[in-house]
Amino acid sequence: MNKNIERFIRYAKIDTQADENTGTTPSTEKQKNLSRLLVNELKELGLADAYMDEYGIVYAHLDGEGDVIGLNAHVDTALEVTDENVNPQIINKWGGQDIKLNDQYTLSLNQFPKMKNLIGDDLIVTDGNTLLGADDKAGIAIIMGVLDYIKNNPEFKHHPLAIAFTVDEEIGEGPKHFSLEKMKADYAFTVDGGAINEIDIENFNAQQLKVKFTGVSVHPGEGKNTLINALQLQADFIDALPKEETPYYADEGYWHLTSVNGTSEKAELVAILRNFSREKLEQLDTRILQIKEELLQKYPTADIQVEISEQYENMKKYVDNDRRPVEKAASALKKFGIEPKYGRIKGGTDGATFSKMGLVTPNLGTGSGNHHGRFEYLSIQDFEKMIEIIIEIIRK
C-alpha cells in the first residue's frame, strides 16, 4: 500500500459526519479532529502558514510562479449512513464479481452497472456498516498527495497554491464562513467529484424545504368532522407532489424527502429541491405553495407552515465568464490522453458558492462513486491518476 492510499484510509477512519440540526459551525466539533491533523501535515509538507480558523476551516499557501491556483476539498461526510468506525477494504484487480461487504450487503455490478468501467481496477470499499468517506476525503488525500510530490521534487516549477479544507459542505454550509481574503486565489478547483475525466462546470440550483403541519387533536371516537390528523396532512402533501420529479425518475431536477416525523397533532417534513433551471425550480416552489392552499381549503382549521430556503445556485454563468481553470484542467487531461467531459453535478459543491462570491471554481473528480452510502467505492488507479493530473494543472 503506497503512502497516498495510506493517507486516504487514515482520513477515512476519522468520524467527521456533519449534522444539519445543531445550528453551529462546524455543525459537529469532531470535524475539527481532521482539520487539526491536516494543519500538522500541511506544515510537515512545507506549508508553514497552515492554520485552522475558529470555524474549523483550514487555510494554507505555497509560493510559486504565476496565477495563484486554489485547491479545495471538504472534511465532513454525508448524513445518510454513519461515518463511525469506518473499516475500508481493498479489492485487488476487481473482476466485476459481486463484492460481499458483510452478511447483509453486497456491492453488485447488476445494481450499479456504471461500475463496469472499473473492472480490472483495485477498489477500496466499505465493510457494509458505514459509508466510506471518499466524498470528500479522497479529494483531501489527492491534494495532500500533490503537495507531497512538490516537497519531494524541489526542482518542480509550479503556480502558487492556496489550499482550503472546508467544513459542513454536506449540509450546504461549506462557504458560510469561507473567506476569499484568507484563500487569496485567482481561481480554484474543488476536488470533490466522481469520474476523473469530468470537469464539472454546472450544478443544481438548490433549496431546502421544511413543512410543519398542525392538526386538530381530539379523541378518534369524537373525531367526525373535527379531528384532523397531522400525519395524514403530511401524507396528503407528499402525495400531491409531482411523482415524476423524484430522483428515481427525474434527470434535470427533483424533489427528495430527507426526513419525516411527527404525531397525529404535529408533523414535519424536510426535503431538498434541485434543478439546473432556476425557472423550473421556481415552478416547483409555486406548486408547493398551491398544495398548501388546497389542503387548507379542505381542512381550514389545520395549520401548515412552508419554509423554502436557498442553499446554492448554478455556477455555470460564473464559470463561463472566466474559463482559465476549465482550460487548464482540459489541457492537463488531454496530456494524459483523456478526453475531457464537461459535467453537470446533480448535487452541490462548495465551488458553486465560491464562484458566486467571485472565485471561479469548477469541480474535478476523485475516482470515487456511489457516494453517501455503504456502497461507496474508490478506484485506486483513478485516485492516483488524479494526483498526476493536478500536478500537471499546476505545472509552470
Foldseek 3Di string as FASTA:
>chain_A
DDPLVVQLQVLLQQFAAQDPPQPAQRNDPSLLVVLVVVQVLVVVLPQVVWDADPRSKIKTKDAADDFEEEEEAASHAADQAGSHRWDKDKDAQAQQCWAQLDPPDIQHCVVVVVCPVCRGFIKIATSLRGHRPVQPSLSVSLVSLLSNVCSVCVVFGFHMYMYMYFYDVNVLCRCVPPDCVRRVGQAYAYAGAAFQQEWEQKEWFKKKKKKKKFWFDDPPVPPVVNGQFRVVLVVQLVVQQDPCQDPVRDDFWHKAWDDKDDGRGMIMTMIMTIGRDPVVSVVSVVSSVVSLVVVCVVVVVMDMDMDMGGRFHILNVLCVVPVVLVVLLQVLCVVVVRHHDHDYHHHDDPQRVVSVVPHRYIYGYQQWDPGPRNGIMHGPVSNVVVSVSVSSSGGD
